[in-house]
PDB file of N, CA and C in Angstrom:
ATOM      1  N   MET A   1      96.143  87.207  99.670  1.00  0.00           N
ATOM      2  CA  MET A   1      96.776  86.964 100.597  1.00  0.00           C
ATOM      3  C   MET A   1      96.407  86.262 101.939  1.00  0.00           C
ATOM      4  N   THR A   2      97.709  85.507 102.486  1.00  0.00           N
ATOM      5  CA  THR A   2      97.383  84.831 103.244  1.00  0.00           C
ATOM      6  C   THR A   2      98.460  84.135 104.550  1.00  0.00           C
ATOM      7  N   THR A   3      97.878  83.923 105.725  1.00  0.00           N
ATOM      8  CA  THR A   3      99.001  84.327 106.979  1.00  0.00           C
ATOM      9  C   THR A   3      98.761  82.876 107.851  1.00  0.00           C
ATOM     10  N   ASN A   4      99.240  82.193 107.760  1.00  0.00           N
ATOM     11  CA  ASN A   4      99.172  80.916 108.868  1.00  0.00           C
ATOM     12  C   ASN A   4      97.747  80.325 108.495  1.00  0.00           C
ATOM     13  N   ASP A   5      97.321  80.022 107.209  1.00  0.00           N
ATOM     14  CA  ASP A   5      96.389  79.231 106.329  1.00  0.00           C
ATOM     15  C   ASP A   5      94.881  80.132 106.469  1.00  0.00           C
ATOM     16  N   LYS A   6      95.333  81.535 107.013  1.00  0.00           N
ATOM     17  CA  LYS A   6      93.827  82.477 107.178  1.00  0.00           C
ATOM     18  C   LYS A   6      94.033  83.593 106.080  1.00  0.00           C
ATOM     19  N   SER A   7      93.075  83.639 105.287  1.00  0.00           N
ATOM     20  CA  SER A   7      92.555  84.560 104.299  1.00  0.00           C
ATOM     21  C   SER A   7      92.332  85.838 105.090  1.00  0.00           C
ATOM     22  N   LEU A   8      93.604  86.820 104.606  1.00  0.00           N
ATOM     23  CA  LEU A   8      93.140  88.269 105.162  1.00  0.00           C
ATOM     24  C   LEU A   8      92.372  89.022 104.453  1.00  0.00           C
ATOM     25  N   GLY A   9      91.317  89.798 105.082  1.00  0.00           N
ATOM     26  CA  GLY A   9      90.604  90.919 104.585  1.00  0.00           C
ATOM     27  C   GLY A   9      90.663  92.217 104.748  1.00  0.00           C
ATOM     28  N   ASP A  10      89.285  92.914 104.527  1.00  0.00           N
ATOM     29  CA  ASP A  10      89.605  94.199 104.969  1.00  0.00           C
ATOM     30  C   ASP A  10      89.752  94.567 106.399  1.00  0.00           C
ATOM     31  N   ILE A  11      90.467  95.828 106.782  1.00  0.00           N
ATOM     32  CA  ILE A  11      90.590  96.070 107.971  1.00  0.00           C
ATOM     33  C   ILE A  11      89.492  96.387 109.037  1.00  0.00           C
ATOM     34  N   ALA A  12      88.423  96.711 108.005  1.00  0.00           N
ATOM     35  CA  ALA A  12      86.839  97.359 108.706  1.00  0.00           C
ATOM     36  C   ALA A  12      85.961  96.988 107.776  1.00  0.00           C
ATOM     37  N   SER A  13      84.643  97.531 108.362  1.00  0.00           N
ATOM     38  CA  SER A  13      83.633  97.223 107.416  1.00  0.00           C
ATOM     39  C   SER A  13      83.254  97.946 106.022  1.00  0.00           C
ATOM     40  N   CYS A  14      83.724  99.184 106.241  1.00  0.00           N
ATOM     41  CA  CYS A  14      83.690  99.847 104.878  1.00  0.00           C
ATOM     42  C   CYS A  14      84.224 101.154 104.757  1.00  0.00           C
ATOM     43  N   LYS A  15      85.143 101.730 103.444  1.00  0.00           N
ATOM     44  CA  LYS A  15      85.964 102.654 103.876  1.00  0.00           C
ATOM     45  C   LYS A  15      84.831 104.105 103.407  1.00  0.00           C
ATOM     46  N   ILE A  16      85.224 105.164 104.202  1.00  0.00           N
ATOM     47  CA  ILE A  16      83.946 106.055 104.159  1.00  0.00           C
ATOM     48  C   ILE A  16      84.744 107.557 103.789  1.00  0.00           C
ATOM     49  N   PHE A  17      86.303 107.669 103.812  1.00  0.00           N
ATOM     50  CA  PHE A  17      86.597 108.535 103.304  1.00  0.00           C
ATOM     51  C   PHE A  17      88.252 108.243 103.131  1.00  0.00           C
ATOM     52  N   GLU A  18      88.857 108.876 102.294  1.00  0.00           N
ATOM     53  CA  GLU A  18      90.722 108.630 101.893  1.00  0.00           C
ATOM     54  C   GLU A  18      91.034 109.892 101.069  1.00  0.00           C
ATOM     55  N   ASN A  19      92.354 110.382 101.603  1.00  0.00           N
ATOM     56  CA  ASN A  19      92.881 111.125 100.538  1.00  0.00           C
ATOM     57  C   ASN A  19      94.216 111.069 100.936  1.00  0.00           C
ATOM     58  N   GLU A  20      95.487 111.797 100.422  1.00  0.00           N
ATOM     59  CA  GLU A  20      96.834 111.215 100.620  1.00  0.00           C
ATOM     60  C   GLU A  20      97.194 110.745 101.997  1.00  0.00           C
ATOM     61  N   LYS A  21      96.733 111.837 102.848  1.00  0.00           N
ATOM     62  CA  LYS A  21      97.216 111.556 104.415  1.00  0.00           C
ATOM     63  C   LYS A  21      96.603 110.425 105.429  1.00  0.00           C
ATOM     64  N   ILE A  22      95.315 110.200 104.863  1.00  0.00           N
ATOM     65  CA  ILE A  22      94.518 109.551 106.265  1.00  0.00           C
ATOM     66  C   ILE A  22      93.612 108.413 105.011  1.00  0.00           C
ATOM     67  N   ARG A  23      92.964 107.361 105.597  1.00  0.00           N
ATOM     68  CA  ARG A  23      91.858 106.347 105.412  1.00  0.00           C
ATOM     69  C   ARG A  23      90.840 106.655 106.583  1.00  0.00           C
ATOM     70  N   ILE A  24      89.861 106.680 106.273  1.00  0.00           N
ATOM     71  CA  ILE A  24      88.654 106.321 107.438  1.00  0.00           C
ATOM     72  C   ILE A  24      87.800 105.514 107.379  1.00  0.00           C
ATOM     73  N   TRP A  25      87.917 104.548 108.204  1.00  0.00           N
ATOM     74  CA  TRP A  25      86.696 103.277 107.841  1.00  0.00           C
ATOM     75  C   TRP A  25      85.684 102.950 109.109  1.00  0.00           C
ATOM     76  N   ASN A  26      84.454 102.883 108.758  1.00  0.00           N
ATOM     77  CA  ASN A  26      84.028 102.514 109.661  1.00  0.00           C
ATOM     78  C   ASN A  26      83.807 100.610 110.219  1.00  0.00           C
ATOM     79  N   LEU A  27      83.912 100.658 111.428  1.00  0.00           N
ATOM     80  CA  LEU A  27      83.748  99.258 111.936  1.00  0.00           C
ATOM     81  C   LEU A  27      82.842  99.031 112.412  1.00  0.00           C
ATOM     82  N   ILE A  28      82.112  97.640 112.302  1.00  0.00           N
ATOM     83  CA  ILE A  28      80.758  97.318 112.771  1.00  0.00           C
ATOM     84  C   ILE A  28      80.847  95.842 112.872  1.00  0.00           C
ATOM     85  N   VAL A  29      80.268  95.541 114.260  1.00  0.00           N
ATOM     86  CA  VAL A  29      80.706  94.240 114.871  1.00  0.00           C
ATOM     87  C   VAL A  29      79.334  93.926 115.437  1.00  0.00           C
ATOM     88  N   GLU A  30      78.248  93.080 114.688  1.00  0.00           N
ATOM     89  CA  GLU A  30      77.321  92.434 115.323  1.00  0.00           C
ATOM     90  C   GLU A  30      77.127  91.500 116.365  1.00  0.00           C
ATOM     91  N   PRO A  31      76.495  91.436 117.333  1.00  0.00           N
ATOM     92  CA  PRO A  31      76.519  90.956 118.519  1.00  0.00           C
ATOM     93  C   PRO A  31      77.054  89.031 118.022  1.00  0.00           C
ATOM     94  N   GLY A  32      77.959  88.446 118.524  1.00  0.00           N
ATOM     95  CA  GLY A  32      78.423  87.314 118.629  1.00  0.00           C
ATOM     96  C   GLY A  32      79.318  87.092 117.149  1.00  0.00           C
ATOM     97  N   GLU A  33      79.506  88.168 115.955  1.00  0.00           N
ATOM     98  CA  GLU A  33      79.966  88.045 115.184  1.00  0.00           C
ATOM     99  C   GLU A  33      81.575  88.500 115.178  1.00  0.00           C
ATOM    100  N   SER A  34      82.580  88.341 114.375  1.00  0.00           N
ATOM    101  CA  SER A  34      83.809  88.513 114.137  1.00  0.00           C
ATOM    102  C   SER A  34      83.980  89.576 112.964  1.00  0.00           C
ATOM    103  N   SER A  35      85.375  90.121 112.885  1.00  0.00           N
ATOM    104  CA  SER A  35      85.719  90.791 111.732  1.00  0.00           C
ATOM    105  C   SER A  35      86.586  89.690 110.879  1.00  0.00           C
ATOM    106  N   ASP A  36      86.849  90.193 109.707  1.00  0.00           N
ATOM    107  CA  ASP A  36      87.794  89.116 109.225  1.00  0.00           C
ATOM    108  C   ASP A  36      89.024  89.376 109.488  1.00  0.00           C
ATOM    109  N   TRP A  37      89.800  88.366 109.604  1.00  0.00           N
ATOM    110  CA  TRP A  37      91.622  88.450 110.072  1.00  0.00           C
ATOM    111  C   TRP A  37      91.921  89.504 108.702  1.00  0.00           C
ATOM    112  N   HIS A  38      92.965  90.567 109.718  1.00  0.00           N
ATOM    113  CA  HIS A  38      93.314  91.661 108.992  1.00  0.00           C
ATOM    114  C   HIS A  38      94.690  91.645 109.424  1.00  0.00           C
ATOM    115  N   LEU A  39      95.544  92.612 108.634  1.00  0.00           N
ATOM    116  CA  LEU A  39      96.496  92.982 109.235  1.00  0.00           C
ATOM    117  C   LEU A  39      96.631  94.734 108.848  1.00  0.00           C
ATOM    118  N   HIS A  40      96.791  95.504 109.822  1.00  0.00           N
ATOM    119  CA  HIS A  40      96.694  97.013 109.483  1.00  0.00           C
ATOM    120  C   HIS A  40      98.292  97.180 109.146  1.00  0.00           C
ATOM    121  N   LYS A  41      98.407  97.808 107.866  1.00  0.00           N
ATOM    122  CA  LYS A  41      99.745  98.268 107.563  1.00  0.00           C
ATOM    123  C   LYS A  41     100.385  99.457 108.018  1.00  0.00           C
ATOM    124  N   ASN A  42      99.363 100.246 108.416  1.00  0.00           N
ATOM    125  CA  ASN A  42      99.668 101.907 108.878  1.00  0.00           C
ATOM    126  C   ASN A  42      98.879 102.039 110.257  1.00  0.00           C
ATOM    127  N   ASP A  43      99.703 103.006 111.054  1.00  0.00           N
ATOM    128  CA  ASP A  43      99.328 103.188 112.427  1.00  0.00           C
ATOM    129  C   ASP A  43      98.109 103.924 112.096  1.00  0.00           C
ATOM    130  N   TYR A  44      97.134 103.486 113.527  1.00  0.00           N
ATOM    131  CA  TYR A  44      95.721 104.368 113.478  1.00  0.00           C
ATOM    132  C   TYR A  44      95.125 104.498 114.602  1.00  0.00           C
ATOM    133  N   VAL A  45      93.824 105.081 114.406  1.00  0.00           N
ATOM    134  CA  VAL A  45      93.223 105.644 115.645  1.00  0.00           C
ATOM    135  C   VAL A  45      91.556 104.967 115.678  1.00  0.00           C
ATOM    136  N   THR A  46      91.094 104.696 116.601  1.00  0.00           N
ATOM    137  CA  THR A  46      89.871 104.117 116.839  1.00  0.00           C
ATOM    138  C   THR A  46      89.356 105.288 117.516  1.00  0.00           C
ATOM    139  N   VAL A  47      87.754 105.387 117.549  1.00  0.00           N
ATOM    140  CA  VAL A  47      87.045 105.965 118.493  1.00  0.00           C
ATOM    141  C   VAL A  47      85.696 105.173 118.335  1.00  0.00           C
ATOM    142  N   VAL A  48      85.702 104.743 119.725  1.00  0.00           N
ATOM    143  CA  VAL A  48      84.262 103.846 119.924  1.00  0.00           C
ATOM    144  C   VAL A  48      82.915 104.431 119.630  1.00  0.00           C
ATOM    145  N   VAL A  49      82.138 104.299 118.834  1.00  0.00           N
ATOM    146  CA  VAL A  49      80.904 104.996 118.787  1.00  0.00           C
ATOM    147  C   VAL A  49      79.859 104.328 119.333  1.00  0.00           C
ATOM    148  N   GLN A  50      79.928 102.934 119.268  1.00  0.00           N
ATOM    149  CA  GLN A  50      78.951 101.932 120.188  1.00  0.00           C
ATOM    150  C   GLN A  50      79.253 100.898 120.789  1.00  0.00           C
ATOM    151  N   GLY A  51      78.365 100.664 121.804  1.00  0.00           N
ATOM    152  CA  GLY A  51      79.132  98.956 122.373  1.00  0.00           C
ATOM    153  C   GLY A  51      80.209  99.386 122.728  1.00  0.00           C
ATOM    154  N   GLY A  52      80.936  97.982 122.852  1.00  0.00           N
ATOM    155  CA  GLY A  52      82.273  98.016 123.638  1.00  0.00           C
ATOM    156  C   GLY A  52      82.933  97.084 123.581  1.00  0.00           C
ATOM    157  N   ASN A  53      83.604  96.318 124.404  1.00  0.00           N
ATOM    158  CA  ASN A  53      84.689  95.248 124.767  1.00  0.00           C
ATOM    159  C   ASN A  53      84.349  94.205 123.657  1.00  0.00           C
ATOM    160  N   LEU A  54      85.671  94.180 123.087  1.00  0.00           N
ATOM    161  CA  LEU A  54      85.911  92.944 122.198  1.00  0.00           C
ATOM    162  C   LEU A  54      87.183  92.350 122.270  1.00  0.00           C
ATOM    163  N   HIS A  55      87.020  91.014 121.995  1.00  0.00           N
ATOM    164  CA  HIS A  55      88.012  89.949 122.037  1.00  0.00           C
ATOM    165  C   HIS A  55      88.822  89.608 120.983  1.00  0.00           C
ATOM    166  N   ILE A  56      90.169  90.055 121.286  1.00  0.00           N
ATOM    167  CA  ILE A  56      91.293  90.376 119.964  1.00  0.00           C
ATOM    168  C   ILE A  56      91.684  89.013 119.946  1.00  0.00           C
ATOM    169  N   GLU A  57      91.842  88.211 119.011  1.00  0.00           N
ATOM    170  CA  GLU A  57      92.583  86.880 118.622  1.00  0.00           C
ATOM    171  C   GLU A  57      93.699  87.630 117.823  1.00  0.00           C
ATOM    172  N   TYR A  58      94.474  86.710 118.086  1.00  0.00           N
ATOM    173  CA  TYR A  58      95.846  87.023 116.945  1.00  0.00           C
ATOM    174  C   TYR A  58      96.242  85.687 116.466  1.00  0.00           C
ATOM    175  N   ASP A  59      96.556  85.558 115.218  1.00  0.00           N
ATOM    176  CA  ASP A  59      96.871  84.649 114.371  1.00  0.00           C
ATOM    177  C   ASP A  59      98.052  83.480 115.125  1.00  0.00           C
ATOM    178  N   ASN A  60      98.560  83.889 116.016  1.00  0.00           N
ATOM    179  CA  ASN A  60      99.482  83.076 116.601  1.00  0.00           C
ATOM    180  C   ASN A  60      98.543  82.185 117.993  1.00  0.00           C
ATOM    181  N   GLY A  61      97.077  82.587 118.056  1.00  0.00           N
ATOM    182  CA  GLY A  61      96.468  81.897 119.000  1.00  0.00           C
ATOM    183  C   GLY A  61      96.259  82.748 120.257  1.00  0.00           C
ATOM    184  N   THR A  62      97.148  83.465 120.481  1.00  0.00           N
ATOM    185  CA  THR A  62      96.993  84.086 121.651  1.00  0.00           C
ATOM    186  C   THR A  62      95.389  85.348 121.631  1.00  0.00           C
ATOM    187  N   ILE A  63      94.478  85.132 122.861  1.00  0.00           N
ATOM    188  CA  ILE A  63      93.612  86.162 123.014  1.00  0.00           C
ATOM    189  C   ILE A  63      93.831  87.102 123.815  1.00  0.00           C
ATOM    190  N   ALA A  64      93.344  88.491 123.237  1.00  0.00           N
ATOM    191  CA  ALA A  64      93.370  89.558 124.454  1.00  0.00           C
ATOM    192  C   ALA A  64      91.740  90.064 124.418  1.00  0.00           C
ATOM    193  N   GLU A  65      91.820  90.909 125.279  1.00  0.00           N
ATOM    194  CA  GLU A  65      90.306  91.454 125.648  1.00  0.00           C
ATOM    195  C   GLU A  65      90.579  93.358 125.272  1.00  0.00           C
ATOM    196  N   SER A  66      90.042  93.477 124.887  1.00  0.00           N
ATOM    197  CA  SER A  66      89.900  95.424 124.417  1.00  0.00           C
ATOM    198  C   SER A  66      88.814  96.048 125.229  1.00  0.00           C
ATOM    199  N   PRO A  67      88.922  96.143 126.347  1.00  0.00           N
ATOM    200  CA  PRO A  67      88.026  96.830 127.092  1.00  0.00           C
ATOM    201  C   PRO A  67      87.835  98.572 126.706  1.00  0.00           C
ATOM    202  N   SER A  68      86.302  98.752 126.181  1.00  0.00           N
ATOM    203  CA  SER A  68      85.680 100.383 125.628  1.00  0.00           C
ATOM    204  C   SER A  68      84.761 100.479 126.288  1.00  0.00           C
ATOM    205  N   GLN A  69      84.481 101.930 125.876  1.00  0.00           N
ATOM    206  CA  GLN A  69      83.187 102.262 126.326  1.00  0.00           C
ATOM    207  C   GLN A  69      82.908 103.704 125.002  1.00  0.00           C
ATOM    208  N   ILE A  70      81.767 104.027 124.589  1.00  0.00           N
ATOM    209  CA  ILE A  70      81.494 104.990 123.795  1.00  0.00           C
ATOM    210  C   ILE A  70      82.225 106.075 124.114  1.00  0.00           C
ATOM    211  N   GLY A  71      83.219 106.586 123.258  1.00  0.00           N
ATOM    212  CA  GLY A  71      83.815 107.652 123.209  1.00  0.00           C
ATOM    213  C   GLY A  71      84.855 107.281 123.185  1.00  0.00           C
ATOM    214  N   SER A  72      85.458 106.123 123.649  1.00  0.00           N
ATOM    215  CA  SER A  72      87.472 106.025 124.330  1.00  0.00           C
ATOM    216  C   SER A  72      87.629 105.888 122.805  1.00  0.00           C
ATOM    217  N   THR A  73      89.040 106.714 122.665  1.00  0.00           N
ATOM    218  CA  THR A  73      90.031 106.332 122.043  1.00  0.00           C
ATOM    219  C   THR A  73      91.207 105.780 121.960  1.00  0.00           C
ATOM    220  N   ARG A  74      91.941 105.211 121.138  1.00  0.00           N
ATOM    221  CA  ARG A  74      93.119 104.629 121.397  1.00  0.00           C
ATOM    222  C   ARG A  74      93.834 104.574 119.969  1.00  0.00           C
ATOM    223  N   TYR A  75      95.408 104.874 120.292  1.00  0.00           N
ATOM    224  CA  TYR A  75      96.267 104.578 118.854  1.00  0.00           C
ATOM    225  C   TYR A  75      96.803 103.882 118.919  1.00  0.00           C
ATOM    226  N   HIS A  76      97.132 103.121 117.802  1.00  0.00           N
ATOM    227  CA  HIS A  76      97.284 101.646 117.548  1.00  0.00           C
ATOM    228  C   HIS A  76      98.808 101.868 116.723  1.00  0.00           C
ATOM    229  N   LYS A  77     100.096 101.106 117.159  1.00  0.00           N
ATOM    230  CA  LYS A  77     101.242 101.152 116.543  1.00  0.00           C
ATOM    231  C   LYS A  77     101.586  99.758 115.949  1.00  0.00           C
ATOM    232  N   GLU A  78     101.240  99.044 116.760  1.00  0.00           N
ATOM    233  CA  GLU A  78     101.712  97.541 116.405  1.00  0.00           C
ATOM    234  C   GLU A  78     100.563  97.142 115.707  1.00  0.00           C
ATOM    235  N   HIS A  79     101.436  96.223 114.772  1.00  0.00           N
ATOM    236  CA  HIS A  79     100.760  95.441 113.598  1.00  0.00           C
ATOM    237  C   HIS A  79     100.870  93.943 113.305  1.00  0.00           C
ATOM    238  N   LYS A  80      99.694  93.338 114.167  1.00  0.00           N
ATOM    239  CA  LYS A  80      99.780  92.214 113.948  1.00  0.00           C
ATOM    240  C   LYS A  80      98.838  91.319 113.150  1.00  0.00           C
ATOM    241  N   VAL A  81      98.712  90.374 112.467  1.00  0.00           N
ATOM    242  CA  VAL A  81      97.512  89.536 111.964  1.00  0.00           C
ATOM    243  C   VAL A  81      96.409  89.248 112.829  1.00  0.00           C
ATOM    244  N   HIS A  82      95.173  89.872 113.362  1.00  0.00           N
ATOM    245  CA  HIS A  82      94.098  89.384 114.162  1.00  0.00           C
ATOM    246  C   HIS A  82      92.889  89.738 113.905  1.00  0.00           C
ATOM    247  N   ARG A  83      91.923  89.433 114.324  1.00  0.00           N
ATOM    248  CA  ARG A  83      90.229  89.798 114.315  1.00  0.00           C
ATOM    249  C   ARG A  83      89.920  89.462 115.803  1.00  0.00           C
ATOM    250  N   VAL A  84      88.555  90.633 115.634  1.00  0.00           N
ATOM    251  CA  VAL A  84      88.024  91.138 116.512  1.00  0.00           C
ATOM    252  C   VAL A  84      86.557  90.115 116.901  1.00  0.00           C
ATOM    253  N   THR A  85      86.322  89.998 117.899  1.00  0.00           N
ATOM    254  CA  THR A  85      84.715  89.189 118.136  1.00  0.00           C
ATOM    255  C   THR A  85      83.994  89.793 119.053  1.00  0.00           C
ATOM    256  N   ASN A  86      82.829  90.170 118.785  1.00  0.00           N
ATOM    257  CA  ASN A  86      82.253  91.268 119.633  1.00  0.00           C
ATOM    258  C   ASN A  86      80.939  89.997 120.513  1.00  0.00           C
ATOM    259  N   ASN A  87      81.428  89.736 121.568  1.00  0.00           N
ATOM    260  CA  ASN A  87      80.868  88.582 122.642  1.00  0.00           C
ATOM    261  C   ASN A  87      79.921  89.196 123.587  1.00  0.00           C
ATOM    262  N   THR A  88      79.302  90.498 123.201  1.00  0.00           N
ATOM    263  CA  THR A  88      78.264  91.200 123.777  1.00  0.00           C
ATOM    264  C   THR A  88      77.002  91.387 123.202  1.00  0.00           C
ATOM    265  N   ASP A  89      75.750  91.388 123.638  1.00  0.00           N
ATOM    266  CA  ASP A  89      74.617  91.687 122.912  1.00  0.00           C
ATOM    267  C   ASP A  89      74.441  92.951 122.381  1.00  0.00           C
ATOM    268  N   ILE A  90      75.400  93.622 122.271  1.00  0.00           N
ATOM    269  CA  ILE A  90      74.999  95.096 121.628  1.00  0.00           C
ATOM    270  C   ILE A  90      76.031  95.125 120.722  1.00  0.00           C
ATOM    271  N   THR A  91      75.526  95.289 119.297  1.00  0.00           N
ATOM    272  CA  THR A  91      76.177  96.055 118.007  1.00  0.00           C
ATOM    273  C   THR A  91      77.644  97.052 118.543  1.00  0.00           C
ATOM    274  N   TYR A  92      78.697  96.644 117.876  1.00  0.00           N
ATOM    275  CA  TYR A  92      79.742  97.419 118.343  1.00  0.00           C
ATOM    276  C   TYR A  92      80.154  98.080 116.927  1.00  0.00           C
ATOM    277  N   LYS A  93      80.534  99.348 117.317  1.00  0.00           N
ATOM    278  CA  LYS A  93      81.015 100.744 116.027  1.00  0.00           C
ATOM    279  C   LYS A  93      81.630 101.658 116.275  1.00  0.00           C
ATOM    280  N   ASN A  94      82.895 101.780 115.575  1.00  0.00           N
ATOM    281  CA  ASN A  94      83.987 102.442 115.585  1.00  0.00           C
ATOM    282  C   ASN A  94      84.402 103.117 114.760  1.00  0.00           C
ATOM    283  N   ILE A  95      84.834 104.384 114.877  1.00  0.00           N
ATOM    284  CA  ILE A  95      85.484 105.172 113.447  1.00  0.00           C
ATOM    285  C   ILE A  95      87.379 104.612 113.653  1.00  0.00           C
ATOM    286  N   LEU A  96      87.441 104.181 112.336  1.00  0.00           N
ATOM    287  CA  LEU A  96      89.067 103.527 112.738  1.00  0.00           C
ATOM    288  C   LEU A  96      89.440 104.725 111.576  1.00  0.00           C
ATOM    289  N   ILE A  97      90.977 105.519 111.686  1.00  0.00           N
ATOM    290  CA  ILE A  97      91.690 106.734 111.031  1.00  0.00           C
ATOM    291  C   ILE A  97      93.126 106.080 111.149  1.00  0.00           C
ATOM    292  N   GLU A  98      93.217 105.818 109.776  1.00  0.00           N
ATOM    293  CA  GLU A  98      94.535 105.292 109.470  1.00  0.00           C
ATOM    294  C   GLU A  98      95.139 106.084 108.754  1.00  0.00           C
ATOM    295  N   ILE A  99      96.553 106.343 109.342  1.00  0.00           N
ATOM    296  CA  ILE A  99      97.629 107.652 108.925  1.00  0.00           C
ATOM    297  C   ILE A  99      98.671 106.928 108.061  1.00  0.00           C
ATOM    298  N   LYS A 100      98.681 107.340 106.849  1.00  0.00           N
ATOM    299  CA  LYS A 100      99.164 106.713 105.511  1.00  0.00           C
ATOM    300  C   LYS A 100     100.749 107.451 105.945  1.00  0.00           C
TER     301      LYS A 100
END
């Protein structure tokens, strides 16, 4: 699948659990790296477990900051094609819980 000539990948690094109601992923972004371009089809919750402060780049060219710290949680209900980049010197990790 492509959007604006960008191939879409998985929404996080690895799926760790799934049943009929939820899907849980680990997202790991090393310093200087970016996630795949992706699109969330479901609302989801993130819980930061390491690092923080990601840059979010949308497929329309806009960039946003995602300030966070360990333990911060966020409910996401907007679904736009994007990727996140870790511009810090600390590995970023979160648990992402999709609501089916």
